[in-house]
Amino acid sequence: MKRLGPATGEEFLKYVGVQTIKPDVHVTRVLTRLGRVAPDASQKAVLQAAERLARDCGRTPVEADHAIWAFAADDYGGDRPGGGPSLKKNKRQCTSGT
């Protein structure tokens, strides 16, 4: 479909029951801060890294997507002044390694 990029496509697939992750700006930011992807990573690389993170945490891709998105959307990624705690100080056990 025209104008349907990878992130929108993955979001659609989630809505129809596919276990996947939408590689949007929030997911990319969190994975970059965790050292799982480079800042200029492609959406495909972000998707693959997010799926690995979900496996490492023992979660489904959709569960990981929701958790990452909620964390970043509340600014716990620390991009804005006065935002939540830095991700670097709050890594969970499932975030180590690649």
Protein backbone atom coordinates (compact mmCIF):
# COMPACT_ATOMS: atom_id res chain seq x y z
CA MET A 1 0.00 0.00 0.00
CA LYS A 2 1.21 3.49 -0.73
CA ARG A 3 2.35 5.48 2.29
CA LEU A 4 2.38 2.42 4.54
CA GLY A 5 5.85 2.22 6.05
CA PRO A 6 7.33 -0.53 8.22
CA ALA A 7 6.20 1.00 11.52
CA THR A 8 2.60 1.42 10.37
CA GLY A 9 2.63 -2.05 8.86
CA GLU A 10 3.82 -3.61 12.12
CA GLU A 11 1.19 -1.67 14.08
CA PHE A 12 -1.51 -3.02 11.76
CA LEU A 13 -0.18 -6.55 12.21
CA LYS A 14 -0.36 -6.15 16.00
CA TYR A 15 -4.03 -5.18 15.71
CA VAL A 16 -4.82 -8.33 13.77
CA GLY A 17 -3.10 -10.58 16.31
CA VAL A 18 0.46 -10.97 15.02
CA GLN A 19 3.14 -10.97 17.74
CA THR A 20 5.32 -8.10 16.58
CA ILE A 21 6.72 -4.75 17.66
CA LYS A 22 6.17 -1.36 16.04
CA PRO A 23 9.65 0.11 15.44
CA ASP A 24 8.59 3.71 16.14
CA VAL A 25 10.48 6.65 17.62
CA HIS A 26 9.82 5.58 21.22
CA VAL A 27 11.04 2.01 20.73
CA THR A 28 14.06 3.26 18.78
CA ARG A 29 14.97 5.75 21.51
CA VAL A 30 14.78 3.16 24.29
CA LEU A 31 16.76 0.56 22.37
CA THR A 32 19.38 3.14 21.47
CA ARG A 33 19.75 4.16 25.11
CA LEU A 34 20.07 0.50 26.10
CA GLY A 35 22.83 0.02 23.53
CA ARG A 36 20.81 -2.50 21.54
CA VAL A 37 20.81 -0.45 18.30
CA ALA A 38 22.76 2.44 16.84
CA PRO A 39 21.02 5.85 16.74
CA ASP A 40 20.78 5.61 12.95
CA ALA A 41 19.52 2.00 12.89
CA SER A 42 16.99 1.01 10.26
CA GLN A 43 13.45 0.15 11.30
CA LYS A 44 14.22 -3.47 10.43
CA ALA A 45 17.22 -3.46 12.80
CA VAL A 46 15.09 -1.85 15.53
CA LEU A 47 12.38 -4.47 15.04
CA GLN A 48 14.90 -7.32 15.27
CA ALA A 49 16.56 -5.85 18.38
CA ALA A 50 13.20 -5.32 20.06
CA GLU A 51 12.16 -8.90 19.34
CA ARG A 52 15.46 -10.13 20.86
CA LEU A 53 14.82 -7.97 23.93
CA ALA A 54 11.35 -9.47 24.30
CA ARG A 55 12.81 -12.99 24.13
CA ASP A 56 15.55 -12.07 26.63
CA CYS A 57 12.87 -10.81 29.03
CA GLY A 58 10.61 -13.81 28.56
CA ARG A 59 7.84 -11.64 27.12
CA THR A 60 5.87 -11.66 23.91
CA PRO A 61 6.77 -9.02 21.34
CA VAL A 62 3.47 -7.23 21.94
CA GLU A 63 4.06 -7.14 25.71
CA ALA A 64 7.54 -5.71 25.15
CA ASP A 65 6.18 -3.18 22.66
CA HIS A 66 3.60 -1.91 25.15
CA ALA A 67 6.12 -1.73 28.00
CA ILE A 68 8.78 0.08 25.94
CA TRP A 69 6.27 2.49 24.46
CA ALA A 70 4.72 3.34 27.85
CA PHE A 71 8.16 3.86 29.39
CA ALA A 72 9.31 6.18 26.59
CA ALA A 73 6.00 7.99 26.16
CA ASP A 74 6.09 8.98 29.83
CA ASP A 75 9.57 10.43 29.10
CA TYR A 76 11.41 7.99 31.26
CA GLY A 77 13.87 7.94 28.38
CA GLY A 78 14.90 11.37 29.69
CA ASP A 79 14.82 13.41 26.48
CA ARG A 80 13.08 16.43 27.99
CA PRO A 81 14.23 18.60 30.89
CA GLY A 82 12.40 17.50 34.01
CA GLY A 83 11.66 14.10 32.49
CA GLY A 84 11.84 10.83 34.35
CA PRO A 85 14.94 8.97 35.43
CA SER A 86 17.68 8.15 32.96
CA LEU A 87 17.44 4.75 31.33
CA LYS A 88 21.14 4.25 31.93
CA LYS A 89 20.44 4.20 35.66
CA ASN A 90 17.43 1.90 35.40
CA LYS A 91 18.46 -1.04 33.24
CA ARG A 92 16.66 -4.21 34.16
CA GLN A 93 18.33 -7.62 34.09
CA CYS A 94 16.80 -8.42 30.71
CA THR A 95 18.49 -5.44 29.03
CA SER A 96 22.08 -6.63 29.25
CA GLY A 97 23.72 -8.11 26.20
CA THR A 98 22.65 -8.12 22.58
